[in-house]
């Protein structure tokens, strides 16, 4: 067997092993999600939070900010508002 063929097979084996490990993590995450580890998150959101999703994480809308601000103020935490500058 030539070295280039050996390297090619080795790369394929490593990729297959990494995919197998990721699948095991996802199955474990599913069990955790069913037991309530994610709170109110969907399973897809939970996978994104853990870094196991193939999709990039979604950015939180700025419309949710007032709810967060009110919760922080109820806890006695001062919230400073920052103006967004147009570029």
PDB file of N, CA and C in Angstrom:
ATOM      1  N   UNK A   1       0.847  -1.169   0.000  1.00  0.00           N
ATOM      2  CA  UNK A   1       0.000   0.000   0.000  1.00  0.00           C
ATOM      3  C   UNK A   1       0.899   1.241   0.000  1.00  0.00           C
ATOM      4  N   UNK A   2       0.557   2.164  -0.876  1.00  0.00           N
ATOM      5  CA  UNK A   2       1.359   3.382  -0.963  1.00  0.00           C
ATOM      6  C   UNK A   2       1.026   4.322   0.214  1.00  0.00           C
ATOM      7  N   UNK A   3       1.944   5.230   0.478  1.00  0.00           N
ATOM      8  CA  UNK A   3       1.753   6.157   1.588  1.00  0.00           C
ATOM      9  C   UNK A   3       0.561   7.083   1.345  1.00  0.00           C
ATOM     10  N   UNK A   4       0.370   7.514   0.104  1.00  0.00           N
ATOM     11  CA  UNK A   4      -0.754   8.411  -0.195  1.00  0.00           C
ATOM     12  C   UNK A   4      -2.092   7.705   0.038  1.00  0.00           C
ATOM     13  N   UNK A   5      -2.169   6.428  -0.332  1.00  0.00           N
ATOM     14  CA  UNK A   5      -3.404   5.654  -0.093  1.00  0.00           C
ATOM     15  C   UNK A   5      -3.612   5.466   1.409  1.00  0.00           C
ATOM     16  N   UNK A   6      -2.537   5.192   2.125  1.00  0.00           N
ATOM     17  CA  UNK A   6      -2.608   5.048   3.579  1.00  0.00           C
ATOM     18  C   UNK A   6      -3.129   6.336   4.227  1.00  0.00           C
ATOM     19  N   UNK A   7      -2.601   7.469   3.788  1.00  0.00           N
ATOM     20  CA  UNK A   7      -3.029   8.760   4.327  1.00  0.00           C
ATOM     21  C   UNK A   7      -4.491   9.033   4.022  1.00  0.00           C
ATOM     22  N   UNK A   8      -4.912   8.672   2.822  1.00  0.00           N
ATOM     23  CA  UNK A   8      -6.301   8.866   2.431  1.00  0.00           C
ATOM     24  C   UNK A   8      -7.232   8.016   3.301  1.00  0.00           C
ATOM     25  N   UNK A   9      -6.889   6.755   3.497  1.00  0.00           N
ATOM     26  CA  UNK A   9      -7.708   5.872   4.328  1.00  0.00           C
ATOM     27  C   UNK A   9      -7.723   6.325   5.783  1.00  0.00           C
ATOM     28  N   UNK A  10      -6.592   6.806   6.246  1.00  0.00           N
ATOM     29  CA  UNK A  10      -6.497   7.297   7.620  1.00  0.00           C
ATOM     30  C   UNK A  10      -7.422   8.498   7.819  1.00  0.00           C
ATOM     31  N   UNK A  11      -7.432   9.410   6.856  1.00  0.00           N
ATOM     32  CA  UNK A  11      -8.310  10.589   6.932  1.00  0.00           C
ATOM     33  C   UNK A  11      -9.775  10.188   6.948  1.00  0.00           C
ATOM     34  N   UNK A  12     -10.139   9.223   6.108  1.00  0.00           N
ATOM     35  CA  UNK A  12     -11.520   8.742   6.085  1.00  0.00           C
ATOM     36  C   UNK A  12     -11.909   8.100   7.415  1.00  0.00           C
ATOM     37  N   UNK A  13     -10.992   7.343   7.979  1.00  0.00           N
ATOM     38  CA  UNK A  13     -11.245   6.690   9.259  1.00  0.00           C
ATOM     39  C   UNK A  13     -11.429   7.712  10.375  1.00  0.00           C
ATOM     40  N   UNK A  14     -10.607   8.750  10.379  1.00  0.00           N
ATOM     41  CA  UNK A  14     -10.711   9.797  11.401  1.00  0.00           C
ATOM     42  C   UNK A  14     -12.046  10.533  11.274  1.00  0.00           C
ATOM     43  N   UNK A  15     -12.458  10.869  10.043  1.00  0.00           N
ATOM     44  CA  UNK A  15     -13.731  11.553   9.832  1.00  0.00           C
ATOM     45  C   UNK A  15     -14.903  10.696  10.296  1.00  0.00           C
ATOM     46  N   UNK A  16     -14.862   9.402   9.982  1.00  0.00           N
ATOM     47  CA  UNK A  16     -15.937   8.497  10.387  1.00  0.00           C
ATOM     48  C   UNK A  16     -16.006   8.390  11.906  1.00  0.00           C
ATOM     49  N   UNK A  17     -14.881   8.327  12.537  1.00  0.00           N
ATOM     50  CA  UNK A  17     -14.832   8.240  14.006  1.00  0.00           C
ATOM     51  C   UNK A  17     -15.372   9.510  14.653  1.00  0.00           C
ATOM     52  N   UNK A  18     -15.021  10.670  14.106  1.00  0.00           N
ATOM     53  CA  UNK A  18     -15.523  11.934  14.642  1.00  0.00           C
ATOM     54  C   UNK A  18     -17.037  12.035  14.493  1.00  0.00           C
ATOM     55  N   UNK A  19     -17.555  11.584  13.368  1.00  0.00           N
ATOM     56  CA  UNK A  19     -19.009  11.597  13.155  1.00  0.00           C
ATOM     57  C   UNK A  19     -19.708  10.657  14.135  1.00  0.00           C
ATOM     58  N   UNK A  20     -19.112   9.509  14.387  1.00  0.00           N
ATOM     59  CA  UNK A  20     -19.665   8.555  15.339  1.00  0.00           C
ATOM     60  C   UNK A  20     -19.705   9.146  16.759  1.00  0.00           C
ATOM     61  N   UNK A  21     -18.649   9.827  17.137  1.00  0.00           N
ATOM     62  CA  UNK A  21     -18.593  10.456  18.456  1.00  0.00           C
ATOM     63  C   UNK A  21     -19.649  11.552  18.564  1.00  0.00           C
ATOM     64  N   UNK A  22     -19.807  12.351  17.503  1.00  0.00           N
ATOM     65  CA  UNK A  22     -20.805  13.425  17.511  1.00  0.00           C
ATOM     66  C   UNK A  22     -22.209  12.838  17.654  1.00  0.00           C
ATOM     67  N   UNK A  23     -22.494  11.735  16.975  1.00  0.00           N
ATOM     68  CA  UNK A  23     -23.804  11.094  17.078  1.00  0.00           C
ATOM     69  C   UNK A  23     -24.069  10.621  18.504  1.00  0.00           C
ATOM     70  N   UNK A  24     -23.046  10.104  19.165  1.00  0.00           N
ATOM     71  CA  UNK A  24     -23.213   9.671  20.564  1.00  0.00           C
ATOM     72  C   UNK A  24     -23.506  10.855  21.470  1.00  0.00           C
ATOM     73  N   UNK A  25     -22.819  11.988  21.237  1.00  0.00           N
ATOM     74  CA  UNK A  25     -23.090  13.196  22.016  1.00  0.00           C
ATOM     75  C   UNK A  25     -24.518  13.686  21.795  1.00  0.00           C
ATOM     76  N   UNK A  26     -24.987  13.633  20.547  1.00  0.00           N
ATOM     77  CA  UNK A  26     -26.351  14.074  20.236  1.00  0.00           C
ATOM     78  C   UNK A  26     -27.369  13.174  20.921  1.00  0.00           C
ATOM     79  N   UNK A  27     -27.142  11.864  20.915  1.00  0.00           N
ATOM     80  CA  UNK A  27     -28.050  10.946  21.611  1.00  0.00           C
ATOM     81  C   UNK A  27     -28.066  11.224  23.108  1.00  0.00           C
ATOM     82  N   UNK A  28     -26.912  11.499  23.684  1.00  0.00           N
ATOM     83  CA  UNK A  28     -26.840  11.836  25.104  1.00  0.00           C
ATOM     84  C   UNK A  28     -27.551  13.156  25.384  1.00  0.00           C
ATOM     85  N   UNK A  29     -27.388  14.117  24.478  1.00  0.00           N
ATOM     86  CA  UNK A  29     -28.053  15.409  24.639  1.00  0.00           C
ATOM     87  C   UNK A  29     -29.563  15.244  24.561  1.00  0.00           C
ATOM     88  N   UNK A  30     -30.040  14.330  23.729  1.00  0.00           N
ATOM     89  CA  UNK A  30     -31.479  14.098  23.612  1.00  0.00           C
ATOM     90  C   UNK A  30     -32.051  13.586  24.931  1.00  0.00           C
ATOM     91  N   UNK A  31     -31.335  12.697  25.564  1.00  0.00           N
ATOM     92  CA  UNK A  31     -31.786  12.180  26.863  1.00  0.00           C
ATOM     93  C   UNK A  31     -31.822  13.312  27.885  1.00  0.00           C
ATOM     94  N   UNK A  32     -30.787  14.142  27.904  1.00  0.00           N
ATOM     95  CA  UNK A  32     -30.761  15.276  28.813  1.00  0.00           C
ATOM     96  C   UNK A  32     -31.891  16.246  28.534  1.00  0.00           C
ATOM     97  N   UNK A  33     -32.172  16.489  27.250  1.00  0.00           N
ATOM     98  CA  UNK A  33     -33.252  17.394  26.864  1.00  0.00           C
ATOM     99  C   UNK A  33     -34.599  16.851  27.330  1.00  0.00           C
ATOM    100  N   UNK A  34     -34.801  15.533  27.173  1.00  0.00           N
ATOM    101  CA  UNK A  34     -36.053  14.926  27.621  1.00  0.00           C
ATOM    102  C   UNK A  34     -36.223  15.038  29.136  1.00  0.00           C
ATOM    103  N   UNK A  35     -35.127  15.036  29.857  1.00  0.00           N
ATOM    104  CA  UNK A  35     -35.191  15.120  31.314  1.00  0.00           C
ATOM    105  C   UNK A  35     -35.317  16.562  31.794  1.00  0.00           C
ATOM    106  N   UNK A  36     -35.300  17.528  30.870  1.00  0.00           N
ATOM    107  CA  UNK A  36     -35.535  18.916  31.224  1.00  0.00           C
ATOM    108  C   UNK A  36     -34.298  19.760  31.389  1.00  0.00           C
ATOM    109  N   UNK A  37     -33.157  19.298  30.939  1.00  0.00           N
ATOM    110  CA  UNK A  37     -31.917  20.059  31.102  1.00  0.00           C
ATOM    111  C   UNK A  37     -31.922  21.353  30.300  1.00  0.00           C
ATOM    112  N   UNK A  38     -32.735  21.433  29.259  1.00  0.00           N
ATOM    113  CA  UNK A  38     -32.751  22.609  28.392  1.00  0.00           C
ATOM    114  C   UNK A  38     -33.776  23.641  28.816  1.00  0.00           C
ATOM    115  N   UNK A  39     -34.552  23.356  29.809  1.00  0.00           N
ATOM    116  CA  UNK A  39     -35.602  24.289  30.203  1.00  0.00           C
ATOM    117  C   UNK A  39     -36.686  24.339  29.146  1.00  0.00           C
ATOM    118  N   UNK A  40     -36.939  25.525  28.629  1.00  0.00           N
ATOM    119  CA  UNK A  40     -37.998  25.724  27.632  1.00  0.00           C
ATOM    120  C   UNK A  40     -37.485  25.703  26.196  1.00  0.00           C
ATOM    121  N   UNK A  41     -36.216  25.398  25.993  1.00  0.00           N
ATOM    122  CA  UNK A  41     -35.633  25.402  24.648  1.00  0.00           C
ATOM    123  C   UNK A  41     -36.118  24.201  23.850  1.00  0.00           C
ATOM    124  N   UNK A  42     -36.191  24.390  22.520  1.00  0.00           N
ATOM    125  CA  UNK A  42     -36.465  23.255  21.647  1.00  0.00           C
ATOM    126  C   UNK A  42     -35.190  22.410  21.571  1.00  0.00           C
ATOM    127  N   UNK A  43     -35.327  21.206  21.062  1.00  0.00           N
ATOM    128  CA  UNK A  43     -34.155  20.333  20.969  1.00  0.00           C
ATOM    129  C   UNK A  43     -33.101  20.927  20.034  1.00  0.00           C
ATOM    130  N   UNK A  44     -33.546  21.548  18.933  1.00  0.00           N
ATOM    131  CA  UNK A  44     -32.609  22.182  18.006  1.00  0.00           C
ATOM    132  C   UNK A  44     -31.842  23.321  18.667  1.00  0.00           C
ATOM    133  N   UNK A  45     -32.560  24.139  19.455  1.00  0.00           N
ATOM    134  CA  UNK A  45     -31.904  25.232  20.175  1.00  0.00           C
ATOM    135  C   UNK A  45     -30.916  24.685  21.199  1.00  0.00           C
ATOM    136  N   UNK A  46     -31.308  23.599  21.854  1.00  0.00           N
ATOM    137  CA  UNK A  46     -30.440  22.977  22.855  1.00  0.00           C
ATOM    138  C   UNK A  46     -29.158  22.456  22.205  1.00  0.00           C
ATOM    139  N   UNK A  47     -29.296  21.822  21.032  1.00  0.00           N
ATOM    140  CA  UNK A  47     -28.110  21.334  20.316  1.00  0.00           C
ATOM    141  C   UNK A  47     -27.209  22.497  19.908  1.00  0.00           C
ATOM    142  N   UNK A  48     -27.813  23.591  19.455  1.00  0.00           N
ATOM    143  CA  UNK A  48     -27.020  24.772  19.088  1.00  0.00           C
ATOM    144  C   UNK A  48     -26.268  25.312  20.295  1.00  0.00           C
ATOM    145  N   UNK A  49     -26.949  25.347  21.435  1.00  0.00           N
ATOM    146  CA  UNK A  49     -26.328  25.841  22.667  1.00  0.00           C
ATOM    147  C   UNK A  49     -25.126  24.975  23.063  1.00  0.00           C
ATOM    148  N   UNK A  50     -25.241  23.673  22.836  1.00  0.00           N
ATOM    149  CA  UNK A  50     -24.154  22.752  23.177  1.00  0.00           C
ATOM    150  C   UNK A  50     -23.068  22.699  22.105  1.00  0.00           C
ATOM    151  N   UNK A  51     -23.332  23.301  20.950  1.00  0.00           N
ATOM    152  CA  UNK A  51     -22.351  23.277  19.867  1.00  0.00           C
ATOM    153  C   UNK A  51     -22.399  22.002  19.044  1.00  0.00           C
ATOM    154  N   UNK A  52     -23.515  21.299  19.095  1.00  0.00           N
ATOM    155  CA  UNK A  52     -23.634  20.041  18.367  1.00  0.00           C
ATOM    156  C   UNK A  52     -24.462  20.163  17.096  1.00  0.00           C
ATOM    157  N   UNK A  53     -25.024  21.327  16.834  1.00  0.00           N
ATOM    158  CA  UNK A  53     -25.870  21.517  15.668  1.00  0.00           C
ATOM    159  C   UNK A  53     -25.020  21.840  14.446  1.00  0.00           C
ATOM    160  N   UNK A  54     -25.493  21.398  13.293  1.00  0.00           N
ATOM    161  CA  UNK A  54     -24.812  21.734  12.046  1.00  0.00           C
ATOM    162  C   UNK A  54     -25.185  23.133  11.588  1.00  0.00           C
ATOM    163  N   UNK A  55     -26.304  23.657  12.110  1.00  0.00           N
ATOM    164  CA  UNK A  55     -26.754  24.992  11.740  1.00  0.00           C
ATOM    165  C   UNK A  55     -26.057  26.027  12.616  1.00  0.00           C
ATOM    166  N   UNK A  56     -25.761  27.206  12.051  1.00  0.00           N
ATOM    167  CA  UNK A  56     -25.163  28.257  12.887  1.00  0.00           C
ATOM    168  C   UNK A  56     -26.189  28.759  13.901  1.00  0.00           C
ATOM    169  N   UNK A  57     -25.766  29.180  15.093  1.00  0.00           N
ATOM    170  CA  UNK A  57     -26.715  29.654  16.092  1.00  0.00           C
ATOM    171  C   UNK A  57     -27.414  30.932  15.632  1.00  0.00           C
ATOM    172  N   UNK A  58     -28.695  31.043  15.968  1.00  0.00           N
ATOM    173  CA  UNK A  58     -29.469  32.216  15.576  1.00  0.00           C
ATOM    174  C   UNK A  58     -29.199  33.345  16.561  1.00  0.00           C
ATOM    175  N   UNK A  59     -29.174  34.561  16.026  1.00  0.00           N
ATOM    176  CA  UNK A  59     -28.976  35.740  16.863  1.00  0.00           C
ATOM    177  C   UNK A  59     -30.300  36.097  17.521  1.00  0.00           C
ATOM    178  N   UNK A  60     -30.217  36.518  18.759  1.00  0.00           N
ATOM    179  CA  UNK A  60     -31.412  36.908  19.497  1.00  0.00           C
ATOM    180  C   UNK A  60     -31.906  38.248  18.975  1.00  0.00           C
ATOM    181  N   UNK A  61     -33.214  38.363  18.772  1.00  0.00           N
ATOM    182  CA  UNK A  61     -33.797  39.614  18.300  1.00  0.00           C
ATOM    183  C   UNK A  61     -33.688  40.679  19.375  1.00  0.00           C
ATOM    184  N   UNK A  62     -33.524  41.922  18.934  1.00  0.00           N
ATOM    185  CA  UNK A  62     -33.441  43.020  19.887  1.00  0.00           C
ATOM    186  C   UNK A  62     -34.798  43.333  20.497  1.00  0.00           C
ATOM    187  N   UNK A  63     -35.881  42.803  19.930  1.00  0.00           N
ATOM    188  CA  UNK A  63     -37.208  43.033  20.476  1.00  0.00           C
ATOM    189  C   UNK A  63     -37.371  42.353  21.835  1.00  0.00           C
ATOM    190  N   UNK A  64     -36.566  41.350  22.126  1.00  0.00           N
ATOM    191  CA  UNK A  64     -36.641  40.653  23.403  1.00  0.00           C
ATOM    192  C   UNK A  64     -35.955  41.428  24.522  1.00  0.00           C
ATOM    193  N   UNK A  65     -35.191  42.449  24.180  1.00  0.00           N
ATOM    194  CA  UNK A  65     -34.409  43.186  25.166  1.00  0.00           C
ATOM    195  C   UNK A  65     -35.240  43.820  26.280  1.00  0.00           C
ATOM    196  N   UNK A  66     -36.417  44.426  26.017  1.00  0.00           N
ATOM    197  CA  UNK A  66     -37.177  45.015  27.117  1.00  0.00           C
ATOM    198  C   UNK A  66     -37.554  44.005  28.197  1.00  0.00           C
ATOM    199  N   UNK A  67     -37.870  42.778  27.818  1.00  0.00           N
ATOM    200  CA  UNK A  67     -38.194  41.749  28.803  1.00  0.00           C
ATOM    201  C   UNK A  67     -36.980  41.452  29.679  1.00  0.00           C
ATOM    202  N   UNK A  68     -35.818  41.380  29.057  1.00  0.00           N
ATOM    203  CA  UNK A  68     -34.587  41.128  29.802  1.00  0.00           C
ATOM    204  C   UNK A  68     -34.283  42.287  30.735  1.00  0.00           C
ATOM    205  N   UNK A  69     -34.498  43.504  30.244  1.00  0.00           N
ATOM    206  CA  UNK A  69     -34.233  44.689  31.048  1.00  0.00           C
ATOM    207  C   UNK A  69     -35.134  44.720  32.278  1.00  0.00           C
ATOM    208  N   UNK A  70     -36.409  44.428  32.100  1.00  0.00           N
ATOM    209  CA  UNK A  70     -37.345  44.433  33.220  1.00  0.00           C
ATOM    210  C   UNK A  70     -36.950  43.393  34.266  1.00  0.00           C
ATOM    211  N   UNK A  71     -36.517  42.239  33.806  1.00  0.00           N
ATOM    212  CA  UNK A  71     -36.111  41.187  34.746  1.00  0.00           C
ATOM    213  C   UNK A  71     -34.875  41.611  35.532  1.00  0.00           C
ATOM    214  N   UNK A  72     -33.928  42.255  34.870  1.00  0.00           N
ATOM    215  CA  UNK A  72     -32.723  42.717  35.547  1.00  0.00           C
ATOM    216  C   UNK A  72     -33.049  43.813  36.568  1.00  0.00           C
ATOM    217  N   UNK A  73     -33.955  44.709  36.197  1.00  0.00           N
ATOM    218  CA  UNK A  73     -34.333  45.786  37.113  1.00  0.00           C
ATOM    219  C   UNK A  73     -35.050  45.240  38.347  1.00  0.00           C
ATOM    220  N   UNK A  74     -35.856  44.190  38.186  1.00  0.00           N
ATOM    221  CA  UNK A  74     -36.526  43.566  39.331  1.00  0.00           C
ATOM    222  C   UNK A  74     -35.517  42.964  40.296  1.00  0.00           C
ATOM    223  N   UNK A  75     -34.369  42.540  39.770  1.00  0.00           N
ATOM    224  CA  UNK A  75     -33.329  41.969  40.621  1.00  0.00           C
ATOM    225  C   UNK A  75     -32.438  43.045  41.230  1.00  0.00           C
ATOM    226  N   UNK A  76     -32.719  44.316  40.909  1.00  0.00           N
ATOM    227  CA  UNK A  76     -31.945  45.407  41.467  1.00  0.00           C
ATOM    228  C   UNK A  76     -30.669  45.707  40.707  1.00  0.00           C
ATOM    229  N   UNK A  77     -30.587  45.253  39.460  1.00  0.00           N
ATOM    230  CA  UNK A  77     -29.401  45.492  38.635  1.00  0.00           C
ATOM    231  C   UNK A  77     -29.684  46.669  37.721  1.00  0.00           C
ATOM    232  N   UNK A  78     -28.804  47.669  37.757  1.00  0.00           N
ATOM    233  CA  UNK A  78     -28.979  48.853  36.918  1.00  0.00           C
ATOM    234  C   UNK A  78     -28.610  48.516  35.478  1.00  0.00           C
ATOM    235  N   UNK A  79     -29.466  48.932  34.560  1.00  0.00           N
ATOM    236  CA  UNK A  79     -29.241  48.662  33.142  1.00  0.00           C
ATOM    237  C   UNK A  79     -28.945  49.984  32.441  1.00  0.00           C
ATOM    238  N   UNK A  80     -27.814  50.043  31.772  1.00  0.00           N
ATOM    239  CA  UNK A  80     -27.448  51.244  31.017  1.00  0.00           C
ATOM    240  C   UNK A  80     -27.792  51.015  29.556  1.00  0.00           C
ATOM    241  N   UNK A  81     -28.436  52.004  28.964  1.00  0.00           N
ATOM    242  CA  UNK A  81     -28.816  51.902  27.558  1.00  0.00           C
ATOM    243  C   UNK A  81     -27.721  52.497  26.696  1.00  0.00           C
ATOM    244  N   UNK A  82     -27.418  51.816  25.602  1.00  0.00           N
ATOM    245  CA  UNK A  82     -26.366  52.249  24.694  1.00  0.00           C
ATOM    246  C   UNK A  82     -27.005  52.598  23.367  1.00  0.00           C
ATOM    247  N   UNK A  83     -26.665  53.772  22.826  1.00  0.00           N
ATOM    248  CA  UNK A  83     -27.196  54.180  21.533  1.00  0.00           C
ATOM    249  C   UNK A  83     -26.424  53.464  20.436  1.00  0.00           C
ATOM    250  N   UNK A  84     -27.167  53.016  19.419  1.00  0.00           N
ATOM    251  CA  UNK A  84     -26.527  52.408  18.263  1.00  0.00           C
ATOM    252  C   UNK A  84     -26.236  53.494  17.246  1.00  0.00           C
ATOM    253  N   UNK A  85     -25.031  53.534  16.759  1.00  0.00           N
ATOM    254  CA  UNK A  85     -24.637  54.522  15.775  1.00  0.00           C
ATOM    255  C   UNK A  85     -24.800  53.937  14.379  1.00  0.00           C
ATOM    256  N   UNK A  86     -25.305  54.739  13.469  1.00  0.00           N
ATOM    257  CA  UNK A  86     -25.437  54.305  12.072  1.00  0.00           C
ATOM    258  C   UNK A  86     -24.071  54.397  11.412  1.00  0.00           C
ATOM    259  N   UNK A  87     -23.718  53.373  10.673  1.00  0.00           N
ATOM    260  CA  UNK A  87     -22.417  53.370   9.982  1.00  0.00           C
ATOM    261  C   UNK A  87     -22.608  53.448   8.506  1.00  0.00           C
TER     262      UNK A  87
END
